[in-house]
Amino acid sequence: MILDIWLYAAVGFFILTFCAVLRIVPGPTLNDRLIAVNVAATLACAGALALTVAMGSLLVALVAGLTACVVFAATIRISQVRKGEAS
C-alpha cells in the first residue's frame, strides 16, 4: 500500500471544511456566518488542490475554482446589500 500524503492532506482539509460549515448555522451575526462561509470555501479549495495533486486531474481544481469564485462573489454581494442592517 502506497502512502499518499496528498490524499491524507485533502481529507484533512475536507474535515476542516465540514467543521467550518457547522459554524455557519449557529453564527450569532451575519458577519460571523459570512466569515465562516469564506473560511469553508478557502479550506475546500485547499482540499481540492491537494486532491488534484493526488488524483492528477485538473478537472477537480477547475470546478473548485469556479465554485470558490461564485461563493466569494455571493458573500461580497450579501455583505454590501445587508450593510445597513443591524446585526
Protein backbone atom coordinates (compact mmCIF):
# COMPACT_ATOMS: atom_id res chain seq x y z
CA MET A 1 0.00 0.00 0.00
CA ILE A 2 1.44 3.33 -1.07
CA LEU A 3 1.22 6.15 1.43
CA ASP A 4 -0.26 9.11 -0.44
CA ILE A 5 0.31 12.19 1.68
CA TRP A 6 -1.66 14.41 -0.71
CA LEU A 7 -4.77 12.31 -0.25
CA TYR A 8 -4.42 12.50 3.52
CA ALA A 9 -3.95 16.26 3.30
CA ALA A 10 -7.10 16.54 1.15
CA VAL A 11 -9.11 14.51 3.65
CA GLY A 12 -7.83 16.70 6.48
CA PHE A 13 -8.83 19.86 4.63
CA PHE A 14 -12.28 18.46 3.90
CA ILE A 15 -12.77 17.60 7.58
CA LEU A 16 -11.83 21.18 8.49
CA THR A 17 -14.23 22.41 5.79
CA PHE A 18 -17.03 20.41 7.39
CA CYS A 19 -16.21 21.98 10.77
CA ALA A 20 -16.38 25.45 9.21
CA VAL A 21 -19.73 24.62 7.61
CA LEU A 22 -21.04 23.58 11.03
CA ARG A 23 -20.14 27.08 12.25
CA ILE A 24 -22.38 28.73 9.64
CA VAL A 25 -25.71 27.68 11.18
CA PRO A 26 -25.28 28.87 14.81
CA GLY A 27 -23.41 32.05 13.91
CA PRO A 28 -24.79 34.83 16.09
CA THR A 29 -24.47 37.56 13.47
CA LEU A 30 -24.45 37.80 9.71
CA ASN A 31 -20.78 38.78 9.72
CA ASP A 32 -19.87 35.59 11.61
CA ARG A 33 -21.76 33.50 9.06
CA LEU A 34 -20.12 35.24 6.11
CA ILE A 35 -16.66 34.69 7.58
CA ALA A 36 -17.48 31.02 8.17
CA VAL A 37 -18.61 30.67 4.53
CA ASN A 38 -15.37 32.26 3.30
CA VAL A 39 -13.25 30.04 5.54
CA ALA A 40 -15.14 26.94 4.38
CA ALA A 41 -14.67 27.89 0.72
CA THR A 42 -10.97 28.55 1.24
CA LEU A 43 -10.41 25.24 3.02
CA ALA A 44 -12.41 23.40 0.35
CA CYS A 45 -10.21 24.94 -2.35
CA ALA A 46 -7.09 23.86 -0.47
CA GLY A 47 -8.51 20.35 -0.19
CA ALA A 48 -9.36 20.36 -3.88
CA LEU A 49 -5.82 21.42 -4.73
CA ALA A 50 -4.39 18.57 -2.66
CA LEU A 51 -6.90 16.18 -4.27
CA THR A 52 -5.84 17.44 -7.71
CA VAL A 53 -2.24 16.54 -6.96
CA ALA A 54 -3.27 13.14 -5.55
CA MET A 55 -5.52 12.26 -8.50
CA GLY A 56 -3.59 14.00 -11.24
CA SER A 57 -6.74 15.54 -12.73
CA LEU A 58 -7.11 19.26 -13.29
CA LEU A 59 -10.90 18.99 -13.51
CA VAL A 60 -11.15 19.00 -9.71
CA ALA A 61 -9.19 22.25 -9.48
CA LEU A 62 -11.30 23.84 -12.22
CA VAL A 63 -14.59 23.01 -10.53
CA ALA A 64 -13.27 24.14 -7.13
CA GLY A 65 -12.02 27.42 -8.58
CA LEU A 66 -15.32 28.20 -10.27
CA THR A 67 -17.27 27.31 -7.14
CA ALA A 68 -15.00 29.50 -5.00
CA CYS A 69 -15.49 32.46 -7.36
CA VAL A 70 -19.26 32.10 -7.07
CA VAL A 71 -19.15 31.76 -3.27
CA PHE A 72 -16.82 34.73 -2.78
CA ALA A 73 -18.85 36.92 -5.15
CA ALA A 74 -22.06 35.98 -3.34
CA THR A 75 -20.62 36.80 0.09
CA ILE A 76 -19.35 40.15 -1.15
CA ARG A 77 -22.77 40.97 -2.58
CA ILE A 78 -24.59 39.89 0.59
CA SER A 79 -22.28 41.98 2.74
CA GLN A 80 -22.89 45.04 0.54
CA VAL A 81 -26.67 44.66 0.49
CA ARG A 82 -27.03 43.99 4.22
CA LYS A 83 -24.51 46.61 5.34
CA GLY A 84 -27.11 49.00 6.75
CA GLU A 85 -28.99 46.40 8.77
CA ALA A 86 -28.37 45.94 12.48
CA SER A 87 -26.71 42.65 13.39
